[in-house]
N, C-alpha and C. Protein backbone atom coordinates (compact mmCIF):
# COMPACT_ATOMS: atom_id res chain seq x y z
N MET A 1 -63.84 74.86 180.74
CA MET A 1 -63.80 73.68 180.91
C MET A 1 -63.42 73.97 182.68
N GLN A 2 -64.32 72.45 183.18
CA GLN A 2 -63.60 72.65 184.55
C GLN A 2 -62.41 72.24 184.55
N LYS A 3 -61.42 72.72 185.29
CA LYS A 3 -60.33 72.20 185.88
C LYS A 3 -60.11 70.89 186.63
N TYR A 4 -59.00 69.86 186.29
CA TYR A 4 -58.55 69.01 187.32
C TYR A 4 -57.19 68.80 187.45
N LYS A 5 -57.34 68.23 188.76
CA LYS A 5 -56.24 67.83 189.44
C LYS A 5 -55.21 66.54 189.03
N ALA A 6 -54.43 66.99 188.93
CA ALA A 6 -53.59 65.77 188.21
C ALA A 6 -51.92 65.74 189.18
N ILE A 7 -51.54 64.17 189.70
CA ILE A 7 -50.14 64.43 190.01
C ILE A 7 -49.72 62.90 189.51
N SER A 8 -48.25 63.11 189.71
CA SER A 8 -47.01 62.03 188.96
C SER A 8 -46.47 62.15 189.67
N LEU A 9 -45.66 61.08 189.07
CA LEU A 9 -43.69 61.06 190.00
C LEU A 9 -42.94 60.13 188.68
N PHE A 10 -41.69 60.56 188.94
CA PHE A 10 -40.70 59.71 188.19
C PHE A 10 -39.79 59.14 189.06
N PHE A 11 -38.84 58.45 188.68
CA PHE A 11 -37.86 57.27 189.10
C PHE A 11 -36.59 57.46 188.28
N PHE A 12 -35.45 57.55 188.30
CA PHE A 12 -34.68 57.39 187.70
C PHE A 12 -33.12 57.43 188.10
N ILE A 13 -32.43 56.51 187.88
CA ILE A 13 -30.94 56.71 188.34
C ILE A 13 -29.56 56.72 187.01
N ILE A 14 -29.13 57.91 187.63
CA ILE A 14 -27.93 58.14 186.39
C ILE A 14 -26.41 58.38 187.57
N LEU A 15 -25.50 58.62 186.54
CA LEU A 15 -24.33 59.03 187.69
C LEU A 15 -23.90 60.50 186.66
N LEU A 16 -23.56 61.70 187.10
CA LEU A 16 -23.01 62.75 186.32
C LEU A 16 -22.10 63.71 187.43
N THR A 17 -21.36 64.34 187.04
CA THR A 17 -20.46 65.44 187.43
C THR A 17 -20.94 66.30 188.45
N PRO A 18 -19.98 67.06 189.55
CA PRO A 18 -20.79 67.70 190.24
C PRO A 18 -20.79 68.87 189.95
N GLN A 19 -21.17 70.19 190.50
CA GLN A 19 -21.75 71.18 189.92
C GLN A 19 -20.69 72.43 190.77
N PRO A 20 -20.43 73.58 190.76
CA PRO A 20 -19.74 74.65 191.59
C PRO A 20 -20.58 75.04 192.36
N ALA A 21 -20.08 75.69 193.40
CA ALA A 21 -20.81 76.68 194.40
C ALA A 21 -21.06 78.07 194.37
N GLY A 22 -21.12 79.09 194.65
CA GLY A 22 -21.17 80.36 194.60
C GLY A 22 -20.30 81.23 195.72
N ALA A 23 -20.35 82.30 195.64
CA ALA A 23 -19.90 83.20 196.85
C ALA A 23 -19.82 83.02 198.07
N ALA A 24 -19.16 84.13 199.30
CA ALA A 24 -18.99 83.73 200.25
C ALA A 24 -19.65 84.93 201.61
N ALA A 25 -19.95 85.11 202.58
CA ALA A 25 -20.46 85.87 203.42
C ALA A 25 -20.77 85.63 205.08
N ASP A 26 -21.16 86.21 205.78
CA ASP A 26 -21.24 85.86 207.20
C ASP A 26 -22.70 86.26 207.35
N TYR A 27 -23.04 85.36 208.09
CA TYR A 27 -24.44 86.00 208.69
C TYR A 27 -25.24 85.90 209.96
N ARG A 28 -25.68 86.70 210.34
CA ARG A 28 -25.74 86.80 212.04
C ARG A 28 -27.50 86.45 212.03
N VAL A 29 -27.64 85.59 212.64
CA VAL A 29 -29.20 84.75 213.18
C VAL A 29 -29.93 85.91 213.46
N GLU A 30 -30.84 85.35 212.86
CA GLU A 30 -32.49 85.99 213.51
C GLU A 30 -33.16 85.46 214.22
N GLN A 31 -34.75 86.32 214.58
CA GLN A 31 -35.76 85.44 215.39
C GLN A 31 -36.11 84.33 213.82
N LYS A 32 -36.15 83.43 214.17
CA LYS A 32 -37.02 82.42 213.25
C LYS A 32 -36.40 82.08 212.18
N ASP A 33 -35.10 82.27 212.19
CA ASP A 33 -34.13 81.76 210.93
C ASP A 33 -34.04 79.95 211.34
N THR A 34 -33.57 79.63 210.46
CA THR A 34 -33.18 77.84 210.18
C THR A 34 -31.73 77.70 209.27
N LEU A 35 -31.26 76.95 209.59
CA LEU A 35 -30.12 76.69 208.67
C LEU A 35 -30.56 76.64 206.96
N TRP A 36 -31.67 76.01 206.78
CA TRP A 36 -32.38 75.55 205.83
C TRP A 36 -32.48 77.11 204.75
N GLU A 37 -33.09 78.05 205.56
CA GLU A 37 -33.45 79.33 205.03
C GLU A 37 -31.97 80.52 204.93
N ILE A 38 -31.49 79.84 205.34
CA ILE A 38 -30.32 80.40 205.40
C ILE A 38 -29.58 79.97 204.74
N ALA A 39 -29.16 79.31 204.17
CA ALA A 39 -28.57 78.26 203.26
C ALA A 39 -29.81 78.35 201.73
N LEU A 40 -30.71 78.77 201.78
CA LEU A 40 -31.90 79.25 200.51
C LEU A 40 -31.56 80.79 200.07
N ARG A 41 -31.43 81.90 201.45
CA ARG A 41 -30.90 83.03 201.11
C ARG A 41 -29.27 83.22 200.71
N PHE A 42 -28.86 82.37 200.70
CA PHE A 42 -26.94 82.60 200.43
C PHE A 42 -27.26 81.90 199.34
N GLN A 43 -28.30 81.29 198.63
CA GLN A 43 -27.77 80.19 197.78
C GLN A 43 -26.48 79.12 197.73
N ARG A 44 -26.91 78.11 198.82
CA ARG A 44 -25.62 77.60 198.99
C ARG A 44 -26.54 76.14 199.34
N ASP A 45 -25.86 75.45 199.52
CA ASP A 45 -25.86 73.89 199.58
C ASP A 45 -25.83 73.71 200.84
N LEU A 46 -26.48 73.33 201.54
CA LEU A 46 -27.32 72.83 203.59
C LEU A 46 -26.13 72.86 203.74
N GLN A 47 -25.53 71.29 203.65
CA GLN A 47 -24.90 70.56 203.91
C GLN A 47 -23.33 71.43 204.03
N GLU A 48 -22.71 72.21 203.46
CA GLU A 48 -21.47 73.27 203.16
C GLU A 48 -21.74 73.92 204.58
N ILE A 49 -23.28 74.31 204.44
CA ILE A 49 -23.05 75.43 205.52
C ILE A 49 -23.00 74.97 207.16
N ILE A 50 -23.62 73.53 207.06
CA ILE A 50 -23.31 72.77 207.93
C ILE A 50 -21.57 72.62 208.57
N ASN A 51 -21.42 71.79 207.45
CA ASN A 51 -19.82 71.70 207.58
C ASN A 51 -18.63 72.88 207.89
N SER A 52 -19.02 74.21 206.90
CA SER A 52 -18.57 75.44 207.77
C SER A 52 -18.75 75.83 209.19
N ASN A 53 -19.44 75.25 209.85
CA ASN A 53 -19.99 75.71 210.82
C ASN A 53 -19.69 74.25 212.17
N PRO A 54 -18.51 74.13 212.48
CA PRO A 54 -18.42 73.20 213.38
C PRO A 54 -18.97 73.12 214.85
N GLN A 55 -19.07 74.89 215.04
CA GLN A 55 -19.18 75.20 216.18
C GLN A 55 -20.44 74.94 216.96
N ILE A 56 -21.61 74.82 215.47
CA ILE A 56 -22.79 74.53 215.67
C ILE A 56 -23.31 72.53 216.12
N GLU A 57 -23.56 72.78 217.45
CA GLU A 57 -23.67 70.98 217.53
C GLU A 57 -24.92 70.50 217.11
N ASN A 58 -25.91 71.39 217.27
CA ASN A 58 -27.49 70.69 216.52
C ASN A 58 -27.54 71.69 215.67
N PRO A 59 -27.58 70.89 214.24
CA PRO A 59 -27.68 71.93 212.83
C PRO A 59 -29.55 72.45 213.29
N ASP A 60 -30.17 71.98 213.76
CA ASP A 60 -31.81 71.84 213.94
C ASP A 60 -31.41 73.15 215.26
N LEU A 61 -31.26 73.61 215.54
CA LEU A 61 -30.71 74.16 217.04
C LEU A 61 -29.81 75.73 216.89
N ILE A 62 -29.95 76.71 215.98
CA ILE A 62 -29.49 78.15 216.47
C ILE A 62 -30.31 79.18 216.89
N PHE A 63 -29.17 80.11 217.36
CA PHE A 63 -30.17 81.26 218.44
C PHE A 63 -29.52 82.76 217.46
N PRO A 64 -30.65 83.45 217.34
CA PRO A 64 -30.88 84.81 217.32
C PRO A 64 -28.75 85.41 217.85
N GLY A 65 -28.55 86.22 217.19
CA GLY A 65 -27.23 86.96 217.23
C GLY A 65 -25.83 85.48 216.92
N GLU A 66 -26.10 85.06 216.64
CA GLU A 66 -25.44 83.41 216.46
C GLU A 66 -24.74 84.17 214.85
N VAL A 67 -23.57 84.09 214.54
CA VAL A 67 -22.66 84.02 213.63
C VAL A 67 -22.62 82.86 213.02
N ILE A 68 -22.99 83.16 211.39
CA ILE A 68 -23.12 81.88 210.65
C ILE A 68 -22.14 82.21 209.76
N ILE A 69 -20.67 81.06 209.20
CA ILE A 69 -20.23 80.96 208.07
C ILE A 69 -20.45 80.63 207.03
N ILE A 70 -20.68 81.63 206.00
CA ILE A 70 -21.03 81.25 204.83
C ILE A 70 -20.02 80.74 203.92
N PRO A 71 -20.03 79.52 203.17
CA PRO A 71 -18.41 79.25 202.66
C PRO A 71 -18.50 79.40 201.31
N ASP A 72 -17.29 80.14 201.19
CA ASP A 72 -16.78 80.49 199.75
C ASP A 72 -16.67 79.71 198.67
N HIS A 73 -16.98 79.58 197.99
CA HIS A 73 -16.60 78.88 196.89
C HIS A 73 -16.11 79.18 195.20
N GLY A 74 -16.39 80.58 195.20
CA GLY A 74 -15.72 81.01 194.01
C GLY A 74 -16.80 82.35 193.68
N LYS A 75 -16.79 82.48 192.27
CA LYS A 75 -18.02 83.86 191.83
C LYS A 75 -19.24 83.28 192.10
N LYS A 76 -20.36 83.50 192.55
CA LYS A 76 -21.54 83.28 192.62
C LYS A 76 -22.68 83.46 190.77
N ILE A 77 -23.29 82.49 190.84
CA ILE A 77 -23.53 82.27 189.64
C ILE A 77 -25.28 82.73 189.90
N ALA A 78 -25.38 83.51 188.85
CA ALA A 78 -26.63 83.84 188.25
C ALA A 78 -27.81 82.68 188.02
N MET A 79 -28.63 82.87 188.86
CA MET A 79 -29.92 81.82 189.06
C MET A 79 -30.99 82.49 188.62
N PRO A 80 -32.16 81.69 188.11
CA PRO A 80 -33.06 82.45 188.13
C PRO A 80 -33.94 82.47 189.85
N LYS A 81 -34.43 83.45 190.17
CA LYS A 81 -35.37 83.44 191.34
C LYS A 81 -37.00 82.90 191.48
N MET A 82 -37.10 82.30 192.75
CA MET A 82 -37.79 81.47 193.14
C MET A 82 -39.23 82.45 193.51
N ASP A 83 -40.07 81.83 193.41
CA ASP A 83 -41.28 82.90 193.88
C ASP A 83 -42.08 82.25 195.24
N GLN A 84 -42.98 83.05 195.71
CA GLN A 84 -43.25 82.54 197.08
C GLN A 84 -43.49 81.11 197.37
N ASN A 85 -44.54 80.79 196.38
CA ASN A 85 -45.03 79.33 195.97
C ASN A 85 -43.97 78.06 195.62
N GLU A 86 -43.01 78.56 195.46
CA GLU A 86 -42.08 77.27 194.70
C GLU A 86 -40.85 77.36 196.46
N ASN A 87 -41.01 78.32 197.02
CA ASN A 87 -40.10 78.40 198.45
C ASN A 87 -40.91 78.01 199.37
N LYS A 88 -42.43 77.88 199.56
CA LYS A 88 -43.06 77.20 200.10
C LYS A 88 -42.85 75.40 200.19
N LEU A 89 -43.54 75.15 199.03
CA LEU A 89 -43.30 74.04 198.75
C LEU A 89 -42.06 73.25 199.26
N MET A 90 -40.90 73.51 199.26
CA MET A 90 -39.62 73.26 199.64
C MET A 90 -39.44 73.53 200.99
N ARG A 91 -40.01 74.39 201.45
CA ARG A 91 -39.94 74.61 203.12
C ARG A 91 -41.18 73.56 203.64
N LEU A 92 -41.99 73.13 202.93
CA LEU A 92 -43.28 71.98 203.62
C LEU A 92 -42.49 70.88 203.89
N ALA A 93 -41.43 70.43 202.32
CA ALA A 93 -40.86 69.58 202.23
C ALA A 93 -40.73 69.21 203.26
N ASN A 94 -39.62 69.89 203.97
CA ASN A 94 -38.11 69.89 204.68
C ASN A 94 -38.85 70.17 206.47
N GLU A 95 -39.91 70.91 206.19
CA GLU A 95 -41.07 70.95 207.45
C GLU A 95 -41.13 69.00 208.24
N LYS A 96 -41.71 68.76 207.17
CA LYS A 96 -42.47 67.25 207.15
C LYS A 96 -40.95 66.32 207.81
N ARG A 97 -39.98 66.47 206.79
CA ARG A 97 -38.66 65.99 207.13
C ARG A 97 -38.03 65.70 208.26
N ARG A 98 -38.10 67.25 209.09
CA ARG A 98 -37.69 67.41 210.55
C ARG A 98 -38.87 66.72 211.22
N GLU A 99 -39.88 66.91 210.90
CA GLU A 99 -40.70 66.64 211.96
C GLU A 99 -40.37 64.71 212.04
N LEU A 100 -40.16 64.42 211.08
CA LEU A 100 -39.79 62.66 211.27
C LEU A 100 -38.28 62.64 211.62
N ARG A 101 -37.74 63.50 211.74
CA ARG A 101 -36.32 63.03 212.19
C ARG A 101 -35.37 62.59 210.83
N LEU A 102 -35.53 62.93 209.56
CA LEU A 102 -34.87 63.18 208.43
C LEU A 102 -34.40 64.36 208.22
N LYS A 103 -33.03 64.22 207.47
CA LYS A 103 -32.41 65.23 207.17
C LYS A 103 -32.84 66.03 206.18
N PRO A 104 -32.54 67.47 206.32
CA PRO A 104 -33.57 68.15 205.36
C PRO A 104 -32.64 68.28 204.04
N LEU A 105 -33.46 68.83 203.29
CA LEU A 105 -32.97 68.76 201.46
C LEU A 105 -32.20 69.94 201.33
N SER A 106 -31.13 70.11 200.76
CA SER A 106 -30.52 70.85 200.52
C SER A 106 -30.90 71.79 198.72
N VAL A 107 -31.06 73.21 199.23
CA VAL A 107 -32.02 73.73 197.90
C VAL A 107 -30.49 73.30 196.91
N ASP A 108 -31.44 73.19 195.47
CA ASP A 108 -30.09 73.22 194.51
C ASP A 108 -31.02 74.03 193.42
N LEU A 109 -29.80 75.40 192.80
CA LEU A 109 -31.24 76.44 192.36
C LEU A 109 -30.87 76.16 190.62
N LYS A 110 -30.55 74.91 190.54
CA LYS A 110 -30.24 74.50 189.06
C LYS A 110 -31.35 73.79 188.95
N LEU A 111 -31.53 72.94 190.12
CA LEU A 111 -32.68 72.37 189.79
C LEU A 111 -33.87 73.16 190.02
N ASN A 112 -34.02 74.14 191.29
CA ASN A 112 -35.26 74.89 190.27
C ASN A 112 -35.03 75.47 189.37
N GLY A 113 -34.41 75.51 188.60
CA GLY A 113 -34.26 76.19 187.24
C GLY A 113 -35.08 75.53 186.28
N ALA A 114 -34.81 74.14 186.47
CA ALA A 114 -35.61 72.78 185.61
C ALA A 114 -37.21 72.37 186.35
N ALA A 115 -36.80 72.92 187.53
CA ALA A 115 -38.44 72.70 188.01
C ALA A 115 -38.96 73.85 187.21
N GLN A 116 -38.84 74.94 187.52
CA GLN A 116 -39.53 76.24 186.79
C GLN A 116 -39.64 76.12 185.03
N LYS A 117 -38.89 75.60 184.21
CA LYS A 117 -39.02 75.39 183.02
C LYS A 117 -39.89 74.12 182.80
N LYS A 118 -39.81 72.95 183.96
CA LYS A 118 -41.01 72.21 183.38
C LYS A 118 -42.22 72.43 183.64
N SER A 119 -42.42 73.27 184.80
CA SER A 119 -43.87 73.74 185.02
C SER A 119 -44.38 74.42 184.07
N LEU A 120 -43.65 75.36 183.42
CA LEU A 120 -43.91 76.40 182.68
C LEU A 120 -44.46 75.71 181.25
N ASP A 121 -43.83 74.76 181.02
CA ASP A 121 -43.77 73.75 179.48
C ASP A 121 -45.13 72.72 179.65
N MET A 122 -45.40 72.92 181.29
CA MET A 122 -46.58 72.13 181.32
C MET A 122 -48.05 72.99 180.80
N MET A 123 -47.41 74.13 181.30
CA MET A 123 -48.60 74.50 180.93
C MET A 123 -48.61 75.32 179.87
N LYS A 124 -47.99 75.96 178.84
CA LYS A 124 -48.01 76.49 177.52
C LYS A 124 -48.32 75.27 176.51
N LEU A 125 -48.28 74.14 177.06
CA LEU A 125 -48.46 73.18 176.19
C LEU A 125 -49.77 71.75 176.32
N GLN A 126 -50.13 72.89 177.76
CA GLN A 126 -51.37 72.23 178.41
C GLN A 126 -51.46 70.59 178.36
N TYR A 127 -50.30 69.96 178.89
CA TYR A 127 -50.09 68.52 179.43
C TYR A 127 -49.58 68.15 180.86
N VAL A 128 -49.94 66.83 181.31
CA VAL A 128 -49.39 67.16 183.00
C VAL A 128 -48.86 65.43 182.34
N SER A 129 -47.67 65.53 182.45
CA SER A 129 -46.90 64.22 182.24
C SER A 129 -45.67 64.84 182.02
N HIS A 130 -44.38 63.43 182.64
CA HIS A 130 -42.92 63.10 182.77
C HIS A 130 -41.96 63.31 181.54
N ASN A 131 -42.80 62.92 181.05
CA ASN A 131 -42.20 62.86 179.37
C ASN A 131 -43.02 64.70 178.61
N SER A 132 -41.99 64.97 178.58
CA SER A 132 -41.69 66.43 177.78
C SER A 132 -41.70 66.79 176.51
N PRO A 133 -42.75 67.21 175.60
CA PRO A 133 -42.64 67.12 173.87
C PRO A 133 -41.19 68.22 173.79
N THR A 134 -40.96 69.21 174.78
CA THR A 134 -39.34 69.80 174.88
C THR A 134 -38.27 69.48 174.76
N TYR A 135 -38.32 68.54 176.56
CA TYR A 135 -37.19 68.28 177.67
C TYR A 135 -37.01 66.86 177.50
N GLY A 136 -38.24 65.80 176.92
CA GLY A 136 -37.62 64.91 177.38
C GLY A 136 -38.26 64.54 178.87
N ASN A 137 -38.07 63.09 179.10
CA ASN A 137 -38.23 62.73 180.88
C ASN A 137 -37.34 63.28 181.77
N PRO A 138 -37.39 63.14 182.93
CA PRO A 138 -36.48 63.94 183.73
C PRO A 138 -35.27 63.94 183.89
N THR A 139 -34.73 62.42 183.20
CA THR A 139 -32.91 62.20 183.16
C THR A 139 -32.49 62.64 181.99
N GLU A 140 -33.40 63.19 180.85
CA GLU A 140 -33.01 63.48 179.90
C GLU A 140 -32.63 65.11 180.09
N MET A 141 -33.81 65.36 180.90
CA MET A 141 -33.49 67.10 181.20
C MET A 141 -32.79 67.35 182.12
N LEU A 142 -32.38 67.02 183.57
CA LEU A 142 -31.45 67.28 184.07
C LEU A 142 -29.83 66.99 183.68
N ARG A 143 -30.27 66.22 182.73
CA ARG A 143 -28.81 66.12 181.83
C ARG A 143 -28.35 66.84 180.97
N ASN A 144 -28.94 67.29 180.00
CA ASN A 144 -29.34 68.37 179.34
C ASN A 144 -28.98 69.83 180.08
N GLN A 145 -29.49 70.09 181.14
CA GLN A 145 -29.22 71.32 181.95
C GLN A 145 -28.00 71.12 182.91
N GLN A 146 -27.39 70.04 182.78
CA GLN A 146 -25.74 69.71 183.27
C GLN A 146 -25.99 69.81 184.85
N ILE A 147 -27.11 68.96 185.68
CA ILE A 147 -27.37 68.91 186.41
C ILE A 147 -26.55 67.98 187.45
N SER A 148 -25.84 67.39 188.27
CA SER A 148 -25.19 66.36 188.76
C SER A 148 -26.32 65.26 189.53
N PHE A 149 -26.16 64.04 189.39
CA PHE A 149 -26.98 63.38 190.53
C PHE A 149 -26.51 62.21 190.19
N ARG A 150 -27.41 61.37 191.36
CA ARG A 150 -27.28 59.88 191.47
C ARG A 150 -28.56 59.47 190.99
N THR A 151 -29.43 60.37 191.43
CA THR A 151 -30.79 59.51 191.28
C THR A 151 -32.22 60.58 191.34
N VAL A 152 -33.00 60.83 190.84
CA VAL A 152 -34.14 62.02 190.58
C VAL A 152 -35.47 61.29 190.47
N LYS A 153 -36.33 61.78 191.54
CA LYS A 153 -37.23 61.70 191.43
C LYS A 153 -38.42 63.16 191.03
N GLU A 154 -39.00 62.95 190.71
CA GLU A 154 -39.94 64.12 190.12
C GLU A 154 -41.34 64.15 190.16
N ASN A 155 -41.74 64.87 190.85
CA ASN A 155 -43.29 64.98 191.28
C ASN A 155 -44.02 66.05 190.75
N ILE A 156 -45.52 66.00 189.68
CA ILE A 156 -45.15 67.00 189.55
C ILE A 156 -47.31 66.96 189.46
N GLY A 157 -47.81 68.26 189.26
CA GLY A 157 -49.43 68.56 189.82
C GLY A 157 -50.03 69.73 188.83
N ALA A 158 -51.09 69.81 188.61
CA ALA A 158 -51.95 70.37 188.25
C ALA A 158 -53.49 70.59 188.70
N GLY A 159 -53.66 72.16 188.68
CA GLY A 159 -54.84 72.20 189.31
C GLY A 159 -55.49 72.48 190.54
N TYR A 160 -54.04 72.20 191.55
CA TYR A 160 -53.83 72.58 192.92
C TYR A 160 -53.71 74.65 192.71
N LYS A 161 -54.85 75.24 193.30
CA LYS A 161 -54.27 76.48 194.24
C LYS A 161 -52.77 77.12 194.45
N THR A 162 -52.83 76.16 195.42
CA THR A 162 -51.70 76.63 196.64
C THR A 162 -51.05 75.69 196.93
N ALA A 163 -49.84 75.89 197.33
CA ALA A 163 -48.06 75.14 197.64
C ALA A 163 -49.06 73.93 198.73
N ASP A 164 -49.78 74.73 199.87
CA ASP A 164 -50.21 73.64 200.41
C ASP A 164 -50.92 72.43 200.13
N GLU A 165 -51.69 72.94 198.89
CA GLU A 165 -53.02 72.00 198.33
C GLU A 165 -52.54 70.73 197.76
N MET A 166 -51.22 71.73 196.90
CA MET A 166 -50.37 70.66 196.15
C MET A 166 -49.67 69.60 197.14
N PHE A 167 -49.29 70.58 197.84
CA PHE A 167 -47.79 69.18 199.19
C PHE A 167 -49.03 68.53 199.64
N ASP A 168 -50.12 68.69 200.40
CA ASP A 168 -51.29 67.58 201.22
C ASP A 168 -51.34 66.53 199.75
N ALA A 169 -51.32 66.78 198.57
CA ALA A 169 -52.36 65.80 197.78
C ALA A 169 -50.75 65.01 197.54
N TRP A 170 -49.63 65.29 197.60
CA TRP A 170 -48.61 64.35 197.34
C TRP A 170 -48.41 63.51 198.82
N MET A 171 -48.40 64.36 199.71
CA MET A 171 -48.24 63.77 200.92
C MET A 171 -49.24 62.46 201.39
N ASN A 172 -50.82 62.71 200.24
CA ASN A 172 -51.82 61.89 200.73
C ASN A 172 -51.76 60.55 199.36
N SER A 173 -50.22 60.71 198.83
CA SER A 173 -50.25 59.64 197.63
C SER A 173 -48.89 59.10 198.35
N ALA A 174 -49.24 57.47 198.45
CA ALA A 174 -48.25 56.59 199.02
C ALA A 174 -46.81 56.87 198.45
N VAL A 175 -46.72 57.04 197.29
CA VAL A 175 -45.74 56.53 196.32
C VAL A 175 -45.07 58.31 196.27
N HIS A 176 -45.89 59.15 196.44
CA HIS A 176 -45.06 60.80 196.39
C HIS A 176 -44.69 61.21 197.73
N ARG A 177 -45.51 60.74 199.02
CA ARG A 177 -45.08 60.49 200.47
C ARG A 177 -43.62 60.27 199.88
N GLU A 178 -43.22 59.35 199.40
CA GLU A 178 -42.14 58.14 199.64
C GLU A 178 -41.33 59.05 199.07
N ASN A 179 -41.28 59.79 198.20
CA ASN A 179 -40.39 60.39 197.21
C ASN A 179 -39.54 61.25 198.07
N ILE A 180 -40.97 62.51 198.71
CA ILE A 180 -40.67 63.47 199.93
C ILE A 180 -39.73 62.78 200.86
N LEU A 181 -40.21 62.08 201.44
CA LEU A 181 -39.10 61.40 202.73
C LEU A 181 -38.59 60.26 202.58
N ASN A 182 -37.44 60.26 201.35
CA ASN A 182 -36.26 59.04 200.99
C ASN A 182 -35.36 59.62 202.06
N LYS A 183 -35.06 58.57 202.10
CA LYS A 183 -33.48 58.92 203.27
C LYS A 183 -32.38 59.10 202.84
N LYS A 184 -32.69 58.48 201.44
CA LYS A 184 -31.12 58.85 200.67
C LYS A 184 -31.03 60.50 199.98
N ALA A 185 -32.37 61.24 199.75
CA ALA A 185 -32.26 61.85 199.03
C ALA A 185 -31.64 63.51 199.50
N THR A 186 -30.75 64.03 199.06
CA THR A 186 -30.13 65.06 200.07
C THR A 186 -30.35 66.42 198.91
N HIS A 187 -31.16 66.61 197.59
CA HIS A 187 -31.54 67.98 197.31
C HIS A 187 -32.96 68.32 196.83
N ILE A 188 -32.89 69.12 196.57
CA ILE A 188 -34.52 69.60 196.22
C ILE A 188 -34.29 70.70 195.60
N GLY A 189 -35.67 71.00 194.18
CA GLY A 189 -35.88 72.31 193.31
C GLY A 189 -37.57 72.42 192.89
N SER A 190 -37.92 73.44 193.04
CA SER A 190 -39.14 73.48 192.88
C SER A 190 -39.36 74.54 191.52
N GLY A 191 -40.42 74.66 190.99
CA GLY A 191 -41.03 75.04 189.98
C GLY A 191 -42.83 75.15 190.08
N TYR A 192 -42.76 76.33 190.02
CA TYR A 192 -44.49 76.81 189.55
C TYR A 192 -45.01 77.49 188.82
N SER A 193 -45.93 77.53 188.21
CA SER A 193 -46.06 78.70 186.71
C SER A 193 -48.17 78.67 186.94
N GLN A 194 -48.47 79.75 186.78
CA GLN A 194 -49.63 79.61 186.49
C GLN A 194 -50.39 80.09 185.45
N GLY A 195 -51.27 80.04 185.13
CA GLY A 195 -52.27 80.20 184.22
C GLY A 195 -52.45 78.60 182.58
N GLY A 196 -52.55 79.04 181.59
CA GLY A 196 -53.52 77.57 181.01
C GLY A 196 -54.43 76.74 181.37
N LEU A 197 -54.40 75.49 181.15
CA LEU A 197 -55.54 75.03 180.88
C LEU A 197 -56.35 74.61 182.36
N HIS A 198 -55.03 74.50 183.53
CA HIS A 198 -55.44 73.64 184.71
C HIS A 198 -55.28 74.84 185.58
N GLY A 199 -54.57 76.56 184.90
CA GLY A 199 -54.81 77.23 185.94
C GLY A 199 -53.24 76.89 186.86
N HIS A 200 -52.70 75.68 187.08
CA HIS A 200 -51.87 75.91 188.37
C HIS A 200 -51.11 74.53 188.15
N TYR A 201 -49.42 74.62 187.83
CA TYR A 201 -48.59 73.66 187.07
C TYR A 201 -47.17 73.89 188.23
N TRP A 202 -47.50 71.91 188.82
CA TRP A 202 -46.40 72.64 189.95
C TRP A 202 -45.54 71.31 189.71
N THR A 203 -44.22 70.96 189.79
CA THR A 203 -43.10 70.59 189.75
C THR A 203 -42.08 70.79 190.86
N ILE A 204 -41.55 69.19 191.34
CA ILE A 204 -40.48 69.43 192.36
C ILE A 204 -39.62 68.18 191.40
N PHE A 205 -38.27 68.51 191.81
CA PHE A 205 -37.41 67.48 191.48
C PHE A 205 -36.70 66.74 193.16
N ILE A 206 -36.49 65.92 192.82
CA ILE A 206 -35.86 65.45 194.35
C ILE A 206 -34.44 64.30 193.92
N VAL A 207 -33.48 65.00 194.34
CA VAL A 207 -32.73 64.39 194.13
C VAL A 207 -31.64 63.34 194.95
N GLU A 208 -30.77 62.57 194.58
CA GLU A 208 -29.24 62.31 195.64
C GLU A 208 -28.14 62.34 195.16
N LYS A 209 -27.32 63.13 195.59
CA LYS A 209 -25.77 63.20 194.81
C LYS A 209 -24.80 62.34 195.82
């Protein structure tokens, strides 16, 4: 059976409580590093790193050899690892936002975990929908995962073989593009699963905290 491609979205508003962050370290900037990539590497909120480094006048401009202070907020929380497809989706989103002079989105590892579960659920149960038989709608899912947010938007897709293809499809959809470039959004999480009826399943959660 020929695989088809599908994308959809979800938007809802809700108030929840904040979540804790992880452990601390210092980091010396390497070639081609960005603060966003450093935040991803150390599993930190981008804004926390910016706030902890007032010596950086322009967060979009850091130099090799510069020492970045990684904020200390207690014991590091064990979170699911991300594969290159999930990293690529988030990198593409922030590159596009930076290109348009929008604030980059901070990586939220709990959001990543939820997005991974959603993509895997769609693959196993062979559906492409915001209403999961397992987790309910995105609002219910994030609430049950104890993830804090004020607003949540979900983009999903199936059948696209690469992160670039999936991202291009979303950017060619006015509403999906608006989700990714939302000025009030603060955090992002992505999930990818391979297999099933359509071969490739994608999810991103974009939230305002």
